Amino acid sequence: MPKYILIGLIVVIGTFVIMNYWPKLHDYTKNKIIASIFGIIAIGFVVLISLLIF
């Protein structure tokens, strides 16, 4: 039970930190962050599909 409370607090605090610092970042940095997130999602999708096939 406490781990769910900690996960919830981390998500909420992380969201507020991102909301605070996102406008202060340069466009190039924002693009790199967004591309990295989509890259991680794509790699995770490929790994998941490969695990389901084999």
Protein backbone atom coordinates (compact mmCIF):
# COMPACT_ATOMS: atom_id res chain seq x y z
CA MET A 1 0.00 0.00 0.00
CA PRO A 2 2.70 2.60 0.82
CA LYS A 3 4.39 2.01 -2.53
CA TYR A 4 1.24 3.20 -4.32
CA ILE A 5 1.22 6.37 -2.23
CA LEU A 6 4.88 6.97 -3.12
CA ILE A 7 4.21 6.34 -6.82
CA GLY A 8 1.29 8.80 -6.71
CA LEU A 9 3.40 11.46 -4.98
CA ILE A 10 6.24 10.99 -7.48
CA VAL A 11 3.84 11.37 -10.41
CA VAL A 12 2.23 14.52 -8.98
CA ILE A 13 5.53 16.16 -7.98
CA GLY A 14 7.12 15.18 -11.30
CA THR A 15 4.21 16.70 -13.20
CA PHE A 16 4.50 20.00 -11.34
CA VAL A 17 8.28 20.12 -11.86
CA ILE A 18 7.83 19.49 -15.60
CA MET A 19 5.09 22.14 -15.79
CA ASN A 20 7.40 24.62 -14.04
CA TYR A 21 10.52 24.07 -16.17
CA TRP A 22 9.01 23.22 -19.60
CA PRO A 23 8.45 26.86 -20.75
CA LYS A 24 12.02 27.77 -19.75
CA LEU A 25 13.61 25.16 -22.04
CA HIS A 26 14.86 25.93 -25.54
CA ASP A 27 13.01 24.52 -28.55
CA TYR A 28 15.92 22.23 -29.44
CA THR A 29 15.89 20.70 -25.95
CA LYS A 30 12.11 20.25 -26.05
CA ASN A 31 12.37 18.46 -29.40
CA LYS A 32 15.11 16.16 -28.07
CA ILE A 33 13.02 15.28 -25.00
CA ILE A 34 9.91 14.54 -27.07
CA ALA A 35 11.91 12.48 -29.58
CA SER A 36 13.51 10.52 -26.74
CA ILE A 37 10.12 9.73 -25.21
CA PHE A 38 8.75 8.50 -28.52
CA GLY A 39 11.94 6.50 -29.12
CA ILE A 40 11.62 4.77 -25.75
CA ILE A 41 7.96 3.97 -26.48
CA ALA A 42 8.90 2.56 -29.91
CA ILE A 43 11.70 0.40 -28.49
CA GLY A 44 9.39 -0.83 -25.73
CA PHE A 45 6.73 -1.71 -28.29
CA VAL A 46 9.23 -3.69 -30.38
CA VAL A 47 10.52 -5.54 -27.31
CA LEU A 48 6.98 -6.33 -26.19
CA ILE A 49 5.98 -7.66 -29.60
CA SER A 50 9.17 -9.74 -29.83
CA LEU A 51 8.52 -11.24 -26.40
CA LEU A 52 4.97 -12.11 -27.37
CA ILE A 53 6.07 -13.77 -30.62
CA PHE A 54 8.94 -15.88 -29.22
